[in-house]
Amino acid sequence: SLTPEQVAAAAVAMREIEPRYEILVWLGACAGLRAGEA
């Protein structure tokens, strides 16, 4: 289980790699979606 701070850090890291994929981190953490669903 990640803390909210760890999720936010992962989202920021994803944004730096590919900004449009940042939402995948949030969909996984907040909605429980797998990558294929997201």
PDB file of all heavy atoms in Angstrom:
ATOM      1  N   SER A   1       0.853  -1.185   0.000  1.00  0.00           N
ATOM      2  CA  SER A   1       0.000   0.000   0.000  1.00  0.00           C
ATOM      3  C   SER A   1       0.888   1.234   0.000  1.00  0.00           C
ATOM      4  O   SER A   1       1.808   1.340   0.806  1.00  0.00           O
ATOM      5  CB  SER A   1      -0.910   0.016   1.226  1.00  0.00           C
ATOM      6  OG  SER A   1      -1.781  -1.074   1.202  1.00  0.00           O
ATOM      7  N   LEU A   2       0.588   2.142  -0.902  1.00  0.00           N
ATOM      8  CA  LEU A   2       1.344   3.387  -0.978  1.00  0.00           C
ATOM      9  C   LEU A   2       0.640   4.480  -0.196  1.00  0.00           C
ATOM     10  O   LEU A   2      -0.588   4.527  -0.138  1.00  0.00           O
ATOM     11  CB  LEU A   2       1.497   3.827  -2.438  1.00  0.00           C
ATOM     12  CG  LEU A   2       2.191   2.857  -3.384  1.00  0.00           C
ATOM     13  CD1 LEU A   2       2.226   3.436  -4.788  1.00  0.00           C
ATOM     14  CD2 LEU A   2       3.585   2.535  -2.909  1.00  0.00           C
ATOM     15  N   THR A   3       1.420   5.363   0.371  1.00  0.00           N
ATOM     16  CA  THR A   3       0.849   6.533   1.027  1.00  0.00           C
ATOM     17  C   THR A   3       0.429   7.518  -0.058  1.00  0.00           C
ATOM     18  O   THR A   3       0.891   7.442  -1.206  1.00  0.00           O
ATOM     19  CB  THR A   3       1.887   7.202   1.945  1.00  0.00           C
ATOM     20  OG1 THR A   3       2.944   7.730   1.124  1.00  0.00           O
ATOM     21  CG2 THR A   3       2.439   6.227   2.969  1.00  0.00           C
ATOM     22  N   PRO A   4      -0.445   8.473   0.283  1.00  0.00           N
ATOM     23  CA  PRO A   4      -0.809   9.497  -0.706  1.00  0.00           C
ATOM     24  C   PRO A   4       0.415  10.238  -1.259  1.00  0.00           C
ATOM     25  O   PRO A   4       0.470  10.568  -2.452  1.00  0.00           O
ATOM     26  CB  PRO A   4      -1.722  10.441   0.071  1.00  0.00           C
ATOM     27  CG  PRO A   4      -2.340   9.564   1.119  1.00  0.00           C
ATOM     28  CD  PRO A   4      -1.247   8.592   1.496  1.00  0.00           C
ATOM     29  N   GLU A   5       1.410  10.459  -0.397  1.00  0.00           N
ATOM     30  CA  GLU A   5       2.622  11.150  -0.841  1.00  0.00           C
ATOM     31  C   GLU A   5       3.389  10.312  -1.858  1.00  0.00           C
ATOM     32  O   GLU A   5       3.934  10.837  -2.834  1.00  0.00           O
ATOM     33  CB  GLU A   5       3.518  11.482   0.360  1.00  0.00           C
ATOM     34  CG  GLU A   5       2.937  12.504   1.319  1.00  0.00           C
ATOM     35  CD  GLU A   5       1.893  11.927   2.281  1.00  0.00           C
ATOM     36  OE1 GLU A   5       1.798  10.685   2.419  1.00  0.00           O
ATOM     37  OE2 GLU A   5       1.157  12.728   2.878  1.00  0.00           O
ATOM     38  N   GLN A   6       3.436   8.996  -1.649  1.00  0.00           N
ATOM     39  CA  GLN A   6       4.129   8.111  -2.590  1.00  0.00           C
ATOM     40  C   GLN A   6       3.393   8.047  -3.931  1.00  0.00           C
ATOM     41  O   GLN A   6       4.022   8.004  -4.985  1.00  0.00           O
ATOM     42  CB  GLN A   6       4.276   6.703  -1.996  1.00  0.00           C
ATOM     43  CG  GLN A   6       5.251   6.648  -0.838  1.00  0.00           C
ATOM     44  CD  GLN A   6       5.217   5.309  -0.128  1.00  0.00           C
ATOM     45  OE1 GLN A   6       4.152   4.742   0.114  1.00  0.00           O
ATOM     46  NE2 GLN A   6       6.398   4.798   0.207  1.00  0.00           N
ATOM     47  N   VAL A   7       2.067   8.039  -3.891  1.00  0.00           N
ATOM     48  CA  VAL A   7       1.286   8.048  -5.135  1.00  0.00           C
ATOM     49  C   VAL A   7       1.552   9.343  -5.899  1.00  0.00           C
ATOM     50  O   VAL A   7       1.785   9.333  -7.104  1.00  0.00           O
ATOM     51  CB  VAL A   7      -0.225   7.880  -4.852  1.00  0.00           C
ATOM     52  CG1 VAL A   7      -1.043   8.096  -6.119  1.00  0.00           C
ATOM     53  CG2 VAL A   7      -0.500   6.504  -4.264  1.00  0.00           C
ATOM     54  N   ALA A   8       1.526  10.458  -5.181  1.00  0.00           N
ATOM     55  CA  ALA A   8       1.779  11.750  -5.824  1.00  0.00           C
ATOM     56  C   ALA A   8       3.190  11.792  -6.418  1.00  0.00           C
ATOM     57  O   ALA A   8       3.387  12.295  -7.533  1.00  0.00           O
ATOM     58  CB  ALA A   8       1.585  12.889  -4.820  1.00  0.00           C
ATOM     59  N   ALA A   9       4.160  11.236  -5.710  1.00  0.00           N
ATOM     60  CA  ALA A   9       5.533  11.204  -6.227  1.00  0.00           C
ATOM     61  C   ALA A   9       5.623  10.335  -7.484  1.00  0.00           C
ATOM     62  O   ALA A   9       6.312  10.686  -8.439  1.00  0.00           O
ATOM     63  CB  ALA A   9       6.489  10.688  -5.149  1.00  0.00           C
ATOM     64  N   ALA A  10       4.923   9.214  -7.482  1.00  0.00           N
ATOM     65  CA  ALA A  10       4.913   8.350  -8.667  1.00  0.00           C
ATOM     66  C   ALA A  10       4.257   9.064  -9.850  1.00  0.00           C
ATOM     67  O   ALA A  10       4.723   8.961 -10.993  1.00  0.00           O
ATOM     68  CB  ALA A  10       4.188   7.041  -8.368  1.00  0.00           C
ATOM     69  N   ALA A  11       3.194   9.819  -9.575  1.00  0.00           N
ATOM     70  CA  ALA A  11       2.523  10.570 -10.638  1.00  0.00           C
ATOM     71  C   ALA A  11       3.439  11.644 -11.220  1.00  0.00           C
ATOM     72  O   ALA A  11       3.501  11.831 -12.437  1.00  0.00           O
ATOM     73  CB  ALA A  11       1.231  11.198 -10.107  1.00  0.00           C
ATOM     74  N   VAL A  12       4.169  12.327 -10.351  1.00  0.00           N
ATOM     75  CA  VAL A  12       5.118  13.342 -10.812  1.00  0.00           C
ATOM     76  C   VAL A  12       6.219  12.700 -11.647  1.00  0.00           C
ATOM     77  O   VAL A  12       6.598  13.205 -12.710  1.00  0.00           O
ATOM     78  CB  VAL A  12       5.706  14.131  -9.613  1.00  0.00           C
ATOM     79  CG1 VAL A  12       6.893  14.972 -10.039  1.00  0.00           C
ATOM     80  CG2 VAL A  12       4.635  14.993  -8.973  1.00  0.00           C
ATOM     81  N   ALA A  13       6.724  11.568 -11.191  1.00  0.00           N
ATOM     82  CA  ALA A  13       7.778  10.868 -11.937  1.00  0.00           C
ATOM     83  C   ALA A  13       7.266  10.437 -13.307  1.00  0.00           C
ATOM     84  O   ALA A  13       7.979  10.554 -14.316  1.00  0.00           O
ATOM     85  CB  ALA A  13       8.272   9.658 -11.142  1.00  0.00           C
ATOM     86  N   MET A  14       6.031   9.966 -13.367  1.00  0.00           N
ATOM     87  CA  MET A  14       5.454   9.565 -14.659  1.00  0.00           C
ATOM     88  C   MET A  14       5.281  10.776 -15.569  1.00  0.00           C
ATOM     89  O   MET A  14       5.550  10.698 -16.764  1.00  0.00           O
ATOM     90  CB  MET A  14       4.112   8.873 -14.439  1.00  0.00           C
ATOM     91  CG  MET A  14       3.496   8.358 -15.718  1.00  0.00           C
ATOM     92  SD  MET A  14       4.483   7.110 -16.569  1.00  0.00           S
ATOM     93  CE  MET A  14       4.029   5.675 -15.645  1.00  0.00           C
ATOM     94  N   ARG A  15       4.867  11.901 -14.989  1.00  0.00           N
ATOM     95  CA  ARG A  15       4.700  13.125 -15.777  1.00  0.00           C
ATOM     96  C   ARG A  15       6.023  13.540 -16.424  1.00  0.00           C
ATOM     97  O   ARG A  15       6.050  14.003 -17.551  1.00  0.00           O
ATOM     98  CB  ARG A  15       4.168  14.252 -14.898  1.00  0.00           C
ATOM     99  CG  ARG A  15       3.885  15.527 -15.679  1.00  0.00           C
ATOM    100  CD  ARG A  15       3.439  16.707 -14.828  1.00  0.00           C
ATOM    101  NE  ARG A  15       2.668  16.347 -13.669  1.00  0.00           N
ATOM    102  CZ  ARG A  15       2.915  16.818 -12.443  1.00  0.00           C
ATOM    103  NH1 ARG A  15       3.916  17.646 -12.228  1.00  0.00           N
ATOM    104  NH2 ARG A  15       2.160  16.468 -11.423  1.00  0.00           N
ATOM    105  N   GLU A  16       7.116  13.349 -15.690  1.00  0.00           N
ATOM    106  CA  GLU A  16       8.433  13.713 -16.222  1.00  0.00           C
ATOM    107  C   GLU A  16       8.851  12.795 -17.361  1.00  0.00           C
ATOM    108  O   GLU A  16       9.560  13.213 -18.275  1.00  0.00           O
ATOM    109  CB  GLU A  16       9.467  13.692 -15.102  1.00  0.00           C
ATOM    110  CG  GLU A  16       9.254  14.807 -14.089  1.00  0.00           C
ATOM    111  CD  GLU A  16      10.152  14.694 -12.876  1.00  0.00           C
ATOM    112  OE1 GLU A  16      10.965  13.754 -12.811  1.00  0.00           O
ATOM    113  OE2 GLU A  16      10.029  15.550 -11.979  1.00  0.00           O
ATOM    114  N   ILE A  17       8.413  11.540 -17.318  1.00  0.00           N
ATOM    115  CA  ILE A  17       8.742  10.587 -18.387  1.00  0.00           C
ATOM    116  C   ILE A  17       7.832  10.797 -19.591  1.00  0.00           C
ATOM    117  O   ILE A  17       8.293  10.913 -20.724  1.00  0.00           O
ATOM    118  CB  ILE A  17       8.610   9.139 -17.876  1.00  0.00           C
ATOM    119  CG1 ILE A  17       9.637   8.892 -16.774  1.00  0.00           C
ATOM    120  CG2 ILE A  17       8.763   8.137 -19.002  1.00  0.00           C
ATOM    121  CD1 ILE A  17       9.427   7.605 -16.011  1.00  0.00           C
ATOM    122  N   GLU A  18       6.524  10.829 -19.342  1.00  0.00           N
ATOM    123  CA  GLU A  18       5.523  11.006 -20.404  1.00  0.00           C
ATOM    124  C   GLU A  18       4.279  11.629 -19.772  1.00  0.00           C
ATOM    125  O   GLU A  18       3.497  10.928 -19.126  1.00  0.00           O
ATOM    126  CB  GLU A  18       5.185   9.662 -21.051  1.00  0.00           C
ATOM    127  CG  GLU A  18       4.131   9.731 -22.126  1.00  0.00           C
ATOM    128  CD  GLU A  18       4.488  10.665 -23.275  1.00  0.00           C
ATOM    129  OE1 GLU A  18       5.524  10.438 -23.921  1.00  0.00           O
ATOM    130  OE2 GLU A  18       3.719  11.618 -23.514  1.00  0.00           O
ATOM    131  N   PRO A  19       4.089  12.940 -19.925  1.00  0.00           N
ATOM    132  CA  PRO A  19       3.023  13.653 -19.218  1.00  0.00           C
ATOM    133  C   PRO A  19       1.624  13.050 -19.363  1.00  0.00           C
ATOM    134  O   PRO A  19       0.873  13.010 -18.404  1.00  0.00           O
ATOM    135  CB  PRO A  19       3.081  15.061 -19.812  1.00  0.00           C
ATOM    136  CG  PRO A  19       4.486  15.208 -20.273  1.00  0.00           C
ATOM    137  CD  PRO A  19       4.904  13.843 -20.733  1.00  0.00           C
ATOM    138  N   ARG A  20       1.294  12.561 -20.536  1.00  0.00           N
ATOM    139  CA  ARG A  20      -0.067  12.065 -20.729  1.00  0.00           C
ATOM    140  C   ARG A  20      -0.344  10.769 -19.974  1.00  0.00           C
ATOM    141  O   ARG A  20      -1.491  10.379 -19.804  1.00  0.00           O
ATOM    142  CB  ARG A  20      -0.373  11.880 -22.209  1.00  0.00           C
ATOM    143  CG  ARG A  20       0.491  10.851 -22.885  1.00  0.00           C
ATOM    144  CD  ARG A  20       0.282  10.878 -24.382  1.00  0.00           C
ATOM    145  NE  ARG A  20       1.193   9.951 -25.006  1.00  0.00           N
ATOM    146  CZ  ARG A  20       0.863   9.133 -25.981  1.00  0.00           C
ATOM    147  NH1 ARG A  20      -0.355   9.166 -26.453  1.00  0.00           N
ATOM    148  NH2 ARG A  20       1.744   8.323 -26.494  1.00  0.00           N
ATOM    149  N   TYR A  21       0.686  10.087 -19.483  1.00  0.00           N
ATOM    150  CA  TYR A  21       0.491   8.852 -18.735  1.00  0.00           C
ATOM    151  C   TYR A  21       0.389   9.061 -17.227  1.00  0.00           C
ATOM    152  O   TYR A  21       0.189   8.117 -16.476  1.00  0.00           O
ATOM    153  CB  TYR A  21       1.591   7.845 -19.047  1.00  0.00           C
ATOM    154  CG  TYR A  21       1.529   7.298 -20.454  1.00  0.00           C
ATOM    155  CD1 TYR A  21       2.683   6.946 -21.117  1.00  0.00           C
ATOM    156  CD2 TYR A  21       0.318   7.141 -21.112  1.00  0.00           C
ATOM    157  CE1 TYR A  21       2.639   6.445 -22.411  1.00  0.00           C
ATOM    158  CE2 TYR A  21       0.260   6.647 -22.400  1.00  0.00           C
ATOM    159  CZ  TYR A  21       1.417   6.291 -23.050  1.00  0.00           C
ATOM    160  OH  TYR A  21       1.364   5.804 -24.316  1.00  0.00           O
ATOM    161  N   GLU A  22       0.520  10.291 -16.784  1.00  0.00           N
ATOM    162  CA  GLU A  22       0.383  10.571 -15.351  1.00  0.00           C
ATOM    163  C   GLU A  22      -0.967  10.083 -14.830  1.00  0.00           C
ATOM    164  O   GLU A  22      -1.073   9.546 -13.732  1.00  0.00           O
ATOM    165  CB  GLU A  22       0.524  12.069 -15.083  1.00  0.00           C
ATOM    166  CG  GLU A  22       0.264  12.445 -13.642  1.00  0.00           C
ATOM    167  CD  GLU A  22       0.258  13.945 -13.409  1.00  0.00           C
ATOM    168  OE1 GLU A  22       0.454  14.722 -14.354  1.00  0.00           O
ATOM    169  OE2 GLU A  22       0.050  14.327 -12.242  1.00  0.00           O
ATOM    170  N   ILE A  23      -1.997  10.230 -15.653  1.00  0.00           N
ATOM    171  CA  ILE A  23      -3.343   9.834 -15.232  1.00  0.00           C
ATOM    172  C   ILE A  23      -3.421   8.341 -14.918  1.00  0.00           C
ATOM    173  O   ILE A  23      -4.241   7.915 -14.109  1.00  0.00           O
ATOM    174  CB  ILE A  23      -4.401  10.253 -16.281  1.00  0.00           C
ATOM    175  CG1 ILE A  23      -5.816  10.060 -15.741  1.00  0.00           C
ATOM    176  CG2 ILE A  23      -4.230   9.483 -17.569  1.00  0.00           C
ATOM    177  CD1 ILE A  23      -6.162  10.917 -14.572  1.00  0.00           C
ATOM    178  N   LEU A  24      -2.547   7.521 -15.527  1.00  0.00           N
ATOM    179  CA  LEU A  24      -2.566   6.086 -15.232  1.00  0.00           C
ATOM    180  C   LEU A  24      -2.262   5.812 -13.768  1.00  0.00           C
ATOM    181  O   LEU A  24      -2.850   4.915 -13.154  1.00  0.00           O
ATOM    182  CB  LEU A  24      -1.570   5.342 -16.125  1.00  0.00           C
ATOM    183  CG  LEU A  24      -1.873   5.325 -17.612  1.00  0.00           C
ATOM    184  CD1 LEU A  24      -0.754   4.620 -18.364  1.00  0.00           C
ATOM    185  CD2 LEU A  24      -3.207   4.670 -17.876  1.00  0.00           C
ATOM    186  N   VAL A  25      -1.350   6.585 -13.199  1.00  0.00           N
ATOM    187  CA  VAL A  25      -1.017   6.421 -11.782  1.00  0.00           C
ATOM    188  C   VAL A  25      -2.240   6.742 -10.936  1.00  0.00           C
ATOM    189  O   VAL A  25      -2.604   5.987 -10.026  1.00  0.00           O
ATOM    190  CB  VAL A  25       0.172   7.322 -11.381  1.00  0.00           C
ATOM    191  CG1 VAL A  25       0.419   7.265  -9.882  1.00  0.00           C
ATOM    192  CG2 VAL A  25       1.419   6.932 -12.152  1.00  0.00           C
ATOM    193  N   TRP A  26      -2.911   7.844 -11.253  1.00  0.00           N
ATOM    194  CA  TRP A  26      -4.080   8.255 -10.475  1.00  0.00           C
ATOM    195  C   TRP A  26      -5.238   7.278 -10.648  1.00  0.00           C
ATOM    196  O   TRP A  26      -5.942   6.971  -9.680  1.00  0.00           O
ATOM    197  CB  TRP A  26      -4.502   9.673 -10.847  1.00  0.00           C
ATOM    198  CG  TRP A  26      -3.485  10.689 -10.445  1.00  0.00           C
ATOM    199  CD1 TRP A  26      -2.699  11.442 -11.260  1.00  0.00           C
ATOM    200  CD2 TRP A  26      -3.110  11.045  -9.114  1.00  0.00           C
ATOM    201  NE1 TRP A  26      -1.868  12.243 -10.516  1.00  0.00           N
ATOM    202  CE2 TRP A  26      -2.099  12.017  -9.196  1.00  0.00           C
ATOM    203  CE3 TRP A  26      -3.523  10.622  -7.854  1.00  0.00           C
ATOM    204  CZ2 TRP A  26      -1.510  12.579  -8.071  1.00  0.00           C
ATOM    205  CZ3 TRP A  26      -2.934  11.185  -6.727  1.00  0.00           C
ATOM    206  CH2 TRP A  26      -1.942  12.151  -6.847  1.00  0.00           C
ATOM    207  N   LEU A  27      -5.444   6.775 -11.850  1.00  0.00           N
ATOM    208  CA  LEU A  27      -6.524   5.799 -12.072  1.00  0.00           C
ATOM    209  C   LEU A  27      -6.255   4.493 -11.331  1.00  0.00           C
ATOM    210  O   LEU A  27      -7.177   3.873 -10.805  1.00  0.00           O
ATOM    211  CB  LEU A  27      -6.705   5.535 -13.573  1.00  0.00           C
ATOM    212  CG  LEU A  27      -7.363   6.657 -14.364  1.00  0.00           C
ATOM    213  CD1 LEU A  27      -7.219   6.407 -15.853  1.00  0.00           C
ATOM    214  CD2 LEU A  27      -8.819   6.803 -13.969  1.00  0.00           C
ATOM    215  N   GLY A  28      -5.005   4.095 -11.278  1.00  0.00           N
ATOM    216  CA  GLY A  28      -4.661   2.886 -10.537  1.00  0.00           C
ATOM    217  C   GLY A  28      -4.837   3.071  -9.044  1.00  0.00           C
ATOM    218  O   GLY A  28      -5.396   2.215  -8.353  1.00  0.00           O
ATOM    219  N   ALA A  29      -4.368   4.204  -8.530  1.00  0.00           N
ATOM    220  CA  ALA A  29      -4.409   4.443  -7.084  1.00  0.00           C
ATOM    221  C   ALA A  29      -5.809   4.791  -6.584  1.00  0.00           C
ATOM    222  O   ALA A  29      -6.222   4.326  -5.529  1.00  0.00           O
ATOM    223  CB  ALA A  29      -3.441   5.569  -6.719  1.00  0.00           C
ATOM    224  N   CYS A  30      -6.543   5.600  -7.338  1.00  0.00           N
ATOM    225  CA  CYS A  30      -7.838   6.091  -6.857  1.00  0.00           C
ATOM    226  C   CYS A  30      -9.020   5.231  -7.285  1.00  0.00           C
ATOM    227  O   CYS A  30     -10.045   5.212  -6.599  1.00  0.00           O
ATOM    228  CB  CYS A  30      -8.062   7.524  -7.344  1.00  0.00           C
ATOM    229  SG  CYS A  30      -6.857   8.695  -6.711  1.00  0.00           S
ATOM    230  N   ALA A  31      -8.903   4.534  -8.411  1.00  0.00           N
ATOM    231  CA  ALA A  31     -10.029   3.741  -8.904  1.00  0.00           C
ATOM    232  C   ALA A  31      -9.720   2.244  -8.933  1.00  0.00           C
ATOM    233  O   ALA A  31     -10.602   1.439  -9.187  1.00  0.00           O
ATOM    234  CB  ALA A  31     -10.435   4.210 -10.302  1.00  0.00           C
ATOM    235  N   GLY A  32      -8.456   1.879  -8.710  1.00  0.00           N
ATOM    236  CA  GLY A  32      -8.092   0.464  -8.712  1.00  0.00           C
ATOM    237  C   GLY A  32      -8.043  -0.159 -10.091  1.00  0.00           C
ATOM    238  O   GLY A  32      -8.117  -1.374 -10.229  1.00  0.00           O
ATOM    239  N   LEU A  33      -7.915   0.671 -11.132  1.00  0.00           N
ATOM    240  CA  LEU A  33      -7.893   0.133 -12.490  1.00  0.00           C
ATOM    241  C   LEU A  33      -6.537  -0.458 -12.835  1.00  0.00           C
ATOM    242  O   LEU A  33      -5.502   0.048 -12.425  1.00  0.00           O
ATOM    243  CB  LEU A  33      -8.218   1.232 -13.509  1.00  0.00           C
ATOM    244  CG  LEU A  33      -9.595   1.883 -13.412  1.00  0.00           C
ATOM    245  CD1 LEU A  33      -9.795   2.839 -14.577  1.00  0.00           C
ATOM    246  CD2 LEU A  33     -10.695   0.854 -13.371  1.00  0.00           C
ATOM    247  N   ARG A  34      -6.567  -1.535 -13.590  1.00  0.00           N
ATOM    248  CA  ARG A  34      -5.341  -2.085 -14.164  1.00  0.00           C
ATOM    249  C   ARG A  34      -5.003  -1.253 -15.396  1.00  0.00           C
ATOM    250  O   ARG A  34      -5.840  -0.515 -15.927  1.00  0.00           O
ATOM    251  CB  ARG A  34      -5.547  -3.549 -14.529  1.00  0.00           C
ATOM    252  CG  ARG A  34      -5.795  -4.427 -13.302  1.00  0.00           C
ATOM    253  CD  ARG A  34      -5.949  -5.876 -13.705  1.00  0.00           C
ATOM    254  NE  ARG A  34      -7.204  -6.099 -14.384  1.00  0.00           N
ATOM    255  CZ  ARG A  34      -8.297  -6.600 -13.807  1.00  0.00           C
ATOM    256  NH1 ARG A  34      -8.270  -6.918 -12.544  1.00  0.00           N
ATOM    257  NH2 ARG A  34      -9.389  -6.773 -14.499  1.00  0.00           N
ATOM    258  N   ALA A  35      -3.780  -1.375 -15.871  1.00  0.00           N
ATOM    259  CA  ALA A  35      -3.321  -0.563 -17.001  1.00  0.00           C
ATOM    260  C   ALA A  35      -4.214  -0.743 -18.226  1.00  0.00           C
ATOM    261  O   ALA A  35      -4.593   0.236 -18.875  1.00  0.00           O
ATOM    262  CB  ALA A  35      -1.873  -0.901 -17.342  1.00  0.00           C
ATOM    263  N   GLY A  36      -4.570  -1.964 -18.560  1.00  0.00           N
ATOM    264  CA  GLY A  36      -5.406  -2.220 -19.732  1.00  0.00           C
ATOM    265  C   GLY A  36      -6.761  -1.553 -19.634  1.00  0.00           C
ATOM    266  O   GLY A  36      -7.295  -1.046 -20.627  1.00  0.00           O
ATOM    267  N   GLU A  37      -7.340  -1.543 -18.444  1.00  0.00           N
ATOM    268  CA  GLU A  37      -8.630  -0.882 -18.234  1.00  0.00           C
ATOM    269  C   GLU A  37      -8.480   0.635 -18.328  1.00  0.00           C
ATOM    270  O   GLU A  37      -9.294   1.315 -18.952  1.00  0.00           O
ATOM    271  CB  GLU A  37      -9.213  -1.265 -16.876  1.00  0.00           C
ATOM    272  CG  GLU A  37      -9.542  -2.729 -16.745  1.00  0.00           C
ATOM    273  CD  GLU A  37      -9.782  -3.163 -15.313  1.00  0.00           C
ATOM    274  OE1 GLU A  37      -9.300  -2.499 -14.366  1.00  0.00           O
ATOM    275  OE2 GLU A  37     -10.445  -4.189 -15.150  1.00  0.00           O
ATOM    276  N   ALA A  38      -7.445   1.155 -17.703  1.00  0.00           N
ATOM    277  CA  ALA A  38      -7.222   2.605 -17.718  1.00  0.00           C
ATOM    278  C   ALA A  38      -6.951   3.106 -19.132  1.00  0.00           C
ATOM    279  O   ALA A  38      -7.456   4.159 -19.533  1.00  0.00           O
ATOM    280  CB  ALA A  38      -6.069   2.967 -16.789  1.00  0.00           C
TER     281      ALA A  38
END
